[in-house]
Amino acid sequence: AVVSTQSTGENILDVSNWLRTTDYKGKVGLTVKIHVDPTKIAEFETLTKEHLSTTLFEPGVLHFRVNRDYNRDSGVFWFVEEWESPAALLTHLNTTWFRDSYVPRSKELCVAPSLRALYLITSA
């Protein structure tokens, strides 16, 4: 169940302040809507496969999936993530590969800022 959400058009790393300072220790979810330049979708998909190949083996990842929007011509992709704790997500955001490689490379492929929802997950 979602108990609260935080959406922002800012850089994904901006959520790190909450992740660093919260006393919440439970599961967190992050959903990101990414707008890829339709002429760069193949390149984005290659980058995303690289991202998945490292992220799926990080400690604390519970669920990590990338979905293409139903309107395949739009260039929209949805990242749906669940992490065992804010600390696990913060660790992911601070990995050298994510921060120094994935983020700058993905920005070059996007046509609009991504939208994000960060939320707490509780038992159903």
N, C-alpha and C. Protein backbone atom coordinates (compact mmCIF):
# COMPACT_ATOMS: atom_id res chain seq x y z
N ALA A 1 0.84 -1.18 0.00
CA ALA A 1 0.00 0.00 0.00
C ALA A 1 0.88 1.24 0.00
N VAL A 2 0.44 2.24 -0.68
CA VAL A 2 1.17 3.51 -0.71
C VAL A 2 0.65 4.37 0.43
N VAL A 3 1.56 4.85 1.26
CA VAL A 3 1.12 5.71 2.36
C VAL A 3 1.46 7.17 2.14
N SER A 4 2.40 7.45 1.29
CA SER A 4 2.65 8.84 0.93
C SER A 4 3.46 8.87 -0.35
N THR A 5 3.35 9.97 -1.06
CA THR A 5 4.11 10.11 -2.30
C THR A 5 4.81 11.45 -2.32
N GLN A 6 5.87 11.49 -3.08
CA GLN A 6 6.59 12.74 -3.31
C GLN A 6 6.94 12.74 -4.79
N SER A 7 6.43 13.69 -5.54
CA SER A 7 6.76 13.79 -6.96
C SER A 7 7.56 15.04 -7.20
N THR A 8 8.47 14.94 -8.12
CA THR A 8 9.32 16.09 -8.40
C THR A 8 9.78 16.05 -9.84
N GLY A 9 9.96 17.18 -10.43
CA GLY A 9 10.53 17.26 -11.77
C GLY A 9 12.03 17.48 -11.71
N GLU A 10 12.58 17.45 -10.51
CA GLU A 10 14.00 17.70 -10.32
C GLU A 10 14.81 16.44 -10.59
N ASN A 11 16.11 16.60 -10.54
CA ASN A 11 17.02 15.49 -10.73
C ASN A 11 16.74 14.41 -9.69
N ILE A 12 16.83 13.14 -10.12
CA ILE A 12 16.53 12.03 -9.22
C ILE A 12 17.40 12.05 -7.98
N LEU A 13 18.60 12.57 -8.08
CA LEU A 13 19.47 12.59 -6.92
C LEU A 13 18.97 13.55 -5.85
N ASP A 14 18.02 14.43 -6.17
CA ASP A 14 17.48 15.36 -5.19
C ASP A 14 16.68 14.66 -4.10
N VAL A 15 16.19 13.45 -4.35
CA VAL A 15 15.47 12.73 -3.31
C VAL A 15 16.42 12.19 -2.25
N SER A 16 17.71 12.27 -2.52
CA SER A 16 18.68 11.68 -1.60
C SER A 16 18.67 12.37 -0.24
N ASN A 17 18.30 13.64 -0.16
CA ASN A 17 18.23 14.30 1.14
C ASN A 17 17.22 13.60 2.04
N TRP A 18 16.04 13.30 1.51
CA TRP A 18 15.04 12.58 2.31
C TRP A 18 15.57 11.19 2.67
N LEU A 19 16.16 10.51 1.71
CA LEU A 19 16.67 9.16 1.96
C LEU A 19 17.75 9.17 3.05
N ARG A 20 18.57 10.22 3.09
CA ARG A 20 19.64 10.33 4.08
C ARG A 20 19.13 10.69 5.47
N THR A 21 18.04 11.48 5.53
CA THR A 21 17.63 12.04 6.82
C THR A 21 16.41 11.37 7.45
N THR A 22 15.70 10.54 6.73
CA THR A 22 14.49 9.94 7.27
C THR A 22 14.81 8.92 8.36
N ASP A 23 13.89 8.79 9.32
CA ASP A 23 14.02 7.72 10.31
C ASP A 23 13.19 6.50 9.89
N TYR A 24 12.53 6.58 8.74
CA TYR A 24 11.75 5.46 8.21
C TYR A 24 12.72 4.36 7.79
N LYS A 25 12.46 3.13 8.20
CA LYS A 25 13.36 2.00 7.91
C LYS A 25 12.72 0.94 7.02
N GLY A 26 11.46 1.14 6.63
CA GLY A 26 10.76 0.13 5.85
C GLY A 26 11.04 0.23 4.35
N LYS A 27 10.26 -0.51 3.60
CA LYS A 27 10.40 -0.57 2.15
C LYS A 27 9.99 0.75 1.51
N VAL A 28 10.66 1.09 0.42
CA VAL A 28 10.31 2.27 -0.36
C VAL A 28 10.18 1.88 -1.82
N GLY A 29 9.35 2.64 -2.51
CA GLY A 29 9.17 2.44 -3.95
C GLY A 29 9.48 3.72 -4.69
N LEU A 30 9.90 3.55 -5.92
CA LEU A 30 10.18 4.69 -6.79
C LEU A 30 9.66 4.34 -8.17
N THR A 31 8.84 5.21 -8.72
CA THR A 31 8.38 5.07 -10.09
C THR A 31 8.83 6.30 -10.86
N VAL A 32 9.46 6.06 -12.01
CA VAL A 32 10.01 7.15 -12.81
C VAL A 32 9.47 7.04 -14.22
N LYS A 33 8.92 8.14 -14.72
CA LYS A 33 8.44 8.22 -16.10
C LYS A 33 9.48 8.99 -16.90
N ILE A 34 10.03 8.32 -17.92
CA ILE A 34 11.11 8.90 -18.71
C ILE A 34 10.64 9.12 -20.14
N HIS A 35 10.91 10.31 -20.67
CA HIS A 35 10.54 10.67 -22.04
C HIS A 35 11.79 10.64 -22.92
N VAL A 36 11.90 9.58 -23.71
CA VAL A 36 13.07 9.38 -24.56
C VAL A 36 12.80 9.93 -25.94
N ASP A 37 13.80 10.55 -26.53
CA ASP A 37 13.72 11.01 -27.92
C ASP A 37 13.38 9.79 -28.79
N PRO A 38 12.27 9.83 -29.53
CA PRO A 38 11.88 8.67 -30.34
C PRO A 38 12.96 8.20 -31.31
N THR A 39 13.88 9.08 -31.69
CA THR A 39 14.96 8.66 -32.60
C THR A 39 16.11 7.98 -31.85
N LYS A 40 16.03 7.96 -30.50
CA LYS A 40 17.11 7.40 -29.70
C LYS A 40 16.66 6.23 -28.83
N ILE A 41 15.52 5.64 -29.16
CA ILE A 41 14.97 4.56 -28.34
C ILE A 41 15.90 3.35 -28.32
N ALA A 42 16.45 2.95 -29.44
CA ALA A 42 17.34 1.78 -29.46
C ALA A 42 18.54 2.01 -28.54
N GLU A 43 19.11 3.20 -28.58
CA GLU A 43 20.25 3.52 -27.72
C GLU A 43 19.84 3.50 -26.25
N PHE A 44 18.65 4.02 -25.95
CA PHE A 44 18.14 4.01 -24.58
C PHE A 44 17.92 2.57 -24.09
N GLU A 45 17.37 1.74 -24.95
CA GLU A 45 17.13 0.34 -24.57
C GLU A 45 18.45 -0.38 -24.28
N THR A 46 19.48 -0.10 -25.03
CA THR A 46 20.81 -0.68 -24.77
C THR A 46 21.34 -0.21 -23.42
N LEU A 47 21.23 1.09 -23.16
CA LEU A 47 21.68 1.64 -21.89
C LEU A 47 20.89 1.03 -20.73
N THR A 48 19.60 0.85 -20.92
CA THR A 48 18.75 0.29 -19.88
C THR A 48 19.12 -1.16 -19.58
N LYS A 49 19.48 -1.92 -20.59
CA LYS A 49 19.93 -3.30 -20.35
C LYS A 49 21.20 -3.31 -19.51
N GLU A 50 22.11 -2.39 -19.77
CA GLU A 50 23.31 -2.26 -18.94
C GLU A 50 22.92 -1.93 -17.49
N HIS A 51 21.99 -1.01 -17.36
CA HIS A 51 21.52 -0.58 -16.04
C HIS A 51 20.93 -1.76 -15.27
N LEU A 52 20.06 -2.51 -15.94
CA LEU A 52 19.44 -3.66 -15.30
C LEU A 52 20.46 -4.71 -14.90
N SER A 53 21.46 -4.92 -15.75
CA SER A 53 22.44 -5.98 -15.48
C SER A 53 23.24 -5.72 -14.21
N THR A 54 23.36 -4.47 -13.80
CA THR A 54 24.05 -4.17 -12.55
C THR A 54 23.06 -4.00 -11.40
N THR A 55 21.97 -3.30 -11.63
CA THR A 55 21.03 -2.96 -10.55
C THR A 55 20.34 -4.19 -9.97
N LEU A 56 20.00 -5.15 -10.80
CA LEU A 56 19.27 -6.33 -10.30
C LEU A 56 20.07 -7.14 -9.28
N PHE A 57 21.37 -6.92 -9.21
CA PHE A 57 22.22 -7.66 -8.29
C PHE A 57 22.69 -6.80 -7.11
N GLU A 58 22.17 -5.60 -7.00
CA GLU A 58 22.55 -4.74 -5.89
C GLU A 58 21.84 -5.19 -4.61
N PRO A 59 22.52 -5.06 -3.47
CA PRO A 59 21.86 -5.40 -2.21
C PRO A 59 20.65 -4.49 -1.97
N GLY A 60 19.56 -5.08 -1.52
CA GLY A 60 18.38 -4.31 -1.15
C GLY A 60 17.37 -4.09 -2.24
N VAL A 61 17.66 -4.47 -3.48
CA VAL A 61 16.66 -4.32 -4.54
C VAL A 61 15.65 -5.46 -4.41
N LEU A 62 14.38 -5.12 -4.34
CA LEU A 62 13.32 -6.12 -4.25
C LEU A 62 12.62 -6.32 -5.58
N HIS A 63 12.52 -5.24 -6.34
CA HIS A 63 11.83 -5.27 -7.63
C HIS A 63 12.40 -4.13 -8.47
N PHE A 64 12.71 -4.44 -9.69
CA PHE A 64 13.20 -3.40 -10.59
C PHE A 64 12.80 -3.79 -12.01
N ARG A 65 11.91 -3.03 -12.59
CA ARG A 65 11.42 -3.36 -13.92
C ARG A 65 11.30 -2.09 -14.73
N VAL A 66 11.60 -2.21 -16.01
CA VAL A 66 11.43 -1.10 -16.96
C VAL A 66 10.37 -1.52 -17.96
N ASN A 67 9.35 -0.69 -18.11
CA ASN A 67 8.24 -0.97 -19.00
C ASN A 67 8.11 0.12 -20.05
N ARG A 68 7.79 -0.28 -21.24
CA ARG A 68 7.52 0.68 -22.31
C ARG A 68 6.06 1.10 -22.22
N ASP A 69 5.78 2.36 -22.45
CA ASP A 69 4.42 2.88 -22.39
C ASP A 69 3.55 2.21 -23.45
N TYR A 70 2.26 2.13 -23.19
CA TYR A 70 1.32 1.52 -24.14
C TYR A 70 1.34 2.22 -25.49
N ASN A 71 1.61 3.52 -25.50
CA ASN A 71 1.73 4.27 -26.74
C ASN A 71 3.18 4.18 -27.19
N ARG A 72 3.50 3.14 -27.93
CA ARG A 72 4.89 2.84 -28.29
C ARG A 72 5.55 3.96 -29.10
N ASP A 73 4.79 4.81 -29.73
CA ASP A 73 5.36 5.91 -30.51
C ASP A 73 5.79 7.09 -29.64
N SER A 74 5.42 7.07 -28.38
CA SER A 74 5.66 8.24 -27.52
C SER A 74 7.09 8.32 -26.98
N GLY A 75 7.81 7.22 -26.93
CA GLY A 75 9.14 7.23 -26.33
C GLY A 75 9.11 7.27 -24.82
N VAL A 76 7.98 6.93 -24.22
CA VAL A 76 7.86 6.95 -22.76
C VAL A 76 8.17 5.57 -22.19
N PHE A 77 9.00 5.58 -21.14
CA PHE A 77 9.33 4.36 -20.40
C PHE A 77 9.04 4.60 -18.93
N TRP A 78 8.66 3.54 -18.24
CA TRP A 78 8.35 3.58 -16.81
C TRP A 78 9.31 2.67 -16.04
N PHE A 79 10.05 3.24 -15.11
CA PHE A 79 10.88 2.46 -14.20
C PHE A 79 10.06 2.25 -12.93
N VAL A 80 9.90 1.01 -12.51
CA VAL A 80 9.14 0.70 -11.30
C VAL A 80 10.08 -0.08 -10.38
N GLU A 81 10.38 0.52 -9.24
CA GLU A 81 11.39 -0.03 -8.34
C GLU A 81 10.84 -0.18 -6.93
N GLU A 82 11.31 -1.22 -6.25
CA GLU A 82 11.06 -1.37 -4.82
C GLU A 82 12.37 -1.74 -4.16
N TRP A 83 12.62 -1.11 -3.02
CA TRP A 83 13.88 -1.29 -2.28
C TRP A 83 13.55 -1.64 -0.84
N GLU A 84 14.40 -2.42 -0.19
CA GLU A 84 14.10 -2.86 1.17
C GLU A 84 14.16 -1.73 2.18
N SER A 85 14.80 -0.61 1.82
CA SER A 85 14.90 0.52 2.75
C SER A 85 15.36 1.78 2.01
N PRO A 86 15.16 2.94 2.63
CA PRO A 86 15.72 4.16 2.05
C PRO A 86 17.24 4.05 1.89
N ALA A 87 17.91 3.40 2.81
CA ALA A 87 19.38 3.26 2.73
C ALA A 87 19.77 2.46 1.48
N ALA A 88 19.01 1.43 1.15
CA ALA A 88 19.33 0.62 -0.04
C ALA A 88 19.16 1.44 -1.31
N LEU A 89 18.09 2.23 -1.39
CA LEU A 89 17.89 3.08 -2.57
C LEU A 89 18.97 4.16 -2.64
N LEU A 90 19.32 4.74 -1.51
CA LEU A 90 20.37 5.76 -1.49
C LEU A 90 21.70 5.17 -1.95
N THR A 91 22.01 3.97 -1.52
CA THR A 91 23.23 3.31 -1.97
C THR A 91 23.23 3.15 -3.48
N HIS A 92 22.09 2.73 -4.03
CA HIS A 92 21.97 2.59 -5.49
C HIS A 92 22.21 3.93 -6.19
N LEU A 93 21.58 4.98 -5.71
CA LEU A 93 21.72 6.30 -6.34
C LEU A 93 23.14 6.83 -6.27
N ASN A 94 23.90 6.35 -5.30
CA ASN A 94 25.27 6.82 -5.12
C ASN A 94 26.32 5.91 -5.74
N THR A 95 25.91 4.85 -6.42
CA THR A 95 26.91 4.02 -7.08
C THR A 95 27.58 4.83 -8.18
N THR A 96 28.85 4.58 -8.37
CA THR A 96 29.60 5.30 -9.39
C THR A 96 28.97 5.11 -10.76
N TRP A 97 28.56 3.89 -11.07
CA TRP A 97 28.00 3.62 -12.40
C TRP A 97 26.72 4.43 -12.62
N PHE A 98 25.81 4.43 -11.64
CA PHE A 98 24.55 5.16 -11.80
C PHE A 98 24.81 6.66 -11.90
N ARG A 99 25.55 7.19 -10.97
CA ARG A 99 25.76 8.64 -10.87
C ARG A 99 26.60 9.19 -12.02
N ASP A 100 27.69 8.50 -12.36
CA ASP A 100 28.65 9.06 -13.31
C ASP A 100 28.48 8.55 -14.74
N SER A 101 27.74 7.49 -14.92
CA SER A 101 27.57 6.94 -16.27
C SER A 101 26.10 6.96 -16.71
N TYR A 102 25.24 6.27 -15.95
CA TYR A 102 23.85 6.16 -16.39
C TYR A 102 23.14 7.52 -16.45
N VAL A 103 23.22 8.30 -15.39
CA VAL A 103 22.49 9.58 -15.35
C VAL A 103 22.91 10.51 -16.50
N PRO A 104 24.19 10.78 -16.69
CA PRO A 104 24.53 11.70 -17.80
C PRO A 104 24.21 11.12 -19.18
N ARG A 105 24.40 9.82 -19.36
CA ARG A 105 24.11 9.22 -20.67
C ARG A 105 22.61 9.23 -20.95
N SER A 106 21.79 8.95 -19.95
CA SER A 106 20.34 8.93 -20.17
C SER A 106 19.80 10.34 -20.44
N LYS A 107 20.37 11.34 -19.79
CA LYS A 107 19.94 12.72 -20.03
C LYS A 107 20.10 13.11 -21.49
N GLU A 108 21.16 12.62 -22.12
CA GLU A 108 21.41 12.92 -23.54
C GLU A 108 20.36 12.31 -24.46
N LEU A 109 19.64 11.32 -23.97
CA LEU A 109 18.66 10.60 -24.79
C LEU A 109 17.23 11.07 -24.55
N CYS A 110 17.04 11.90 -23.55
CA CYS A 110 15.69 12.32 -23.17
C CYS A 110 15.31 13.67 -23.76
N VAL A 111 14.00 13.86 -23.95
CA VAL A 111 13.49 15.11 -24.53
C VAL A 111 12.77 15.97 -23.51
N ALA A 112 12.57 15.44 -22.30
CA ALA A 112 11.87 16.20 -21.26
C ALA A 112 12.36 15.68 -19.91
N PRO A 113 12.24 16.50 -18.88
CA PRO A 113 12.60 16.02 -17.54
C PRO A 113 11.73 14.83 -17.16
N SER A 114 12.30 13.90 -16.43
CA SER A 114 11.50 12.75 -15.99
C SER A 114 10.65 13.16 -14.79
N LEU A 115 9.57 12.41 -14.60
CA LEU A 115 8.68 12.62 -13.47
C LEU A 115 8.87 11.46 -12.51
N ARG A 116 8.81 11.72 -11.21
CA ARG A 116 9.08 10.70 -10.22
C ARG A 116 8.04 10.68 -9.12
N ALA A 117 7.81 9.50 -8.59
CA ALA A 117 7.03 9.35 -7.36
C ALA A 117 7.85 8.46 -6.43
N LEU A 118 8.14 8.95 -5.26
CA LEU A 118 8.83 8.21 -4.21
C LEU A 118 7.80 7.93 -3.13
N TYR A 119 7.69 6.67 -2.69
CA TYR A 119 6.63 6.34 -1.76
C TYR A 119 7.07 5.27 -0.77
N LEU A 120 6.37 5.27 0.36
CA LEU A 120 6.59 4.27 1.40
C LEU A 120 5.71 3.07 1.10
N ILE A 121 6.22 1.89 1.35
CA ILE A 121 5.44 0.66 1.11
C ILE A 121 5.19 0.00 2.45
N THR A 122 3.94 -0.32 2.70
CA THR A 122 3.57 -1.02 3.92
C THR A 122 2.88 -2.32 3.53
N SER A 123 2.73 -3.22 4.45
CA SER A 123 2.04 -4.48 4.17
C SER A 123 0.59 -4.20 3.82
N ALA A 124 0.05 -5.02 2.94
CA ALA A 124 -1.34 -4.85 2.52
C ALA A 124 -2.28 -5.16 3.65
